[in-house]
Amino acid sequence: MKNGKAVVLIVEDSTIIRMGAIDLALSAGYEALEACNADEAIRILESRGDVDLVFTDVQMPGTMDGIKLSHYIRDRWPPVKLIVASGAAILEESSLPVGSQFFSKPYDDDSITDAMARLLSGDPQTANAG
């Protein structure tokens, strides 16, 4: 957390969707960072030690998709909370790291902000709400 605000990193290759997700995080009272692919997200995570939650799309250009990114983050930065969303892929929760949440696009903004709040509060109830 930075200045008492949780820091959320939005990883999304679509500019319009990324901007919407950033607005969503900001309106929920979080600091929002942005990355357009997994490589950029990893550079941000390596340079900042204050990222609390990563909200990533599944399908993105670059060296890894959102599923691989979520596993990489879980292995390298275990405390970081994870929310994964996709408009195309229907995922099994078992393909995601433990404690992650998956949402289908289009997602309900309230469901995302509720999941962010629940994950950031440390609430173990992380059942898929999407």
Foldseek 3Di string as FASTA:
>chain_A
DPPPAAEEEEEAQDPVVSVVVCVLQVVLPHHYHYHPHLVRVVVVVVVDVRHAEYEYEADHDDDHGPQVSQVVCCVPPVRHAYEYEYQPDDDDCVSHPPRYEYDYPPGDSVLVSVLVVCSSVVPSPNPHPD
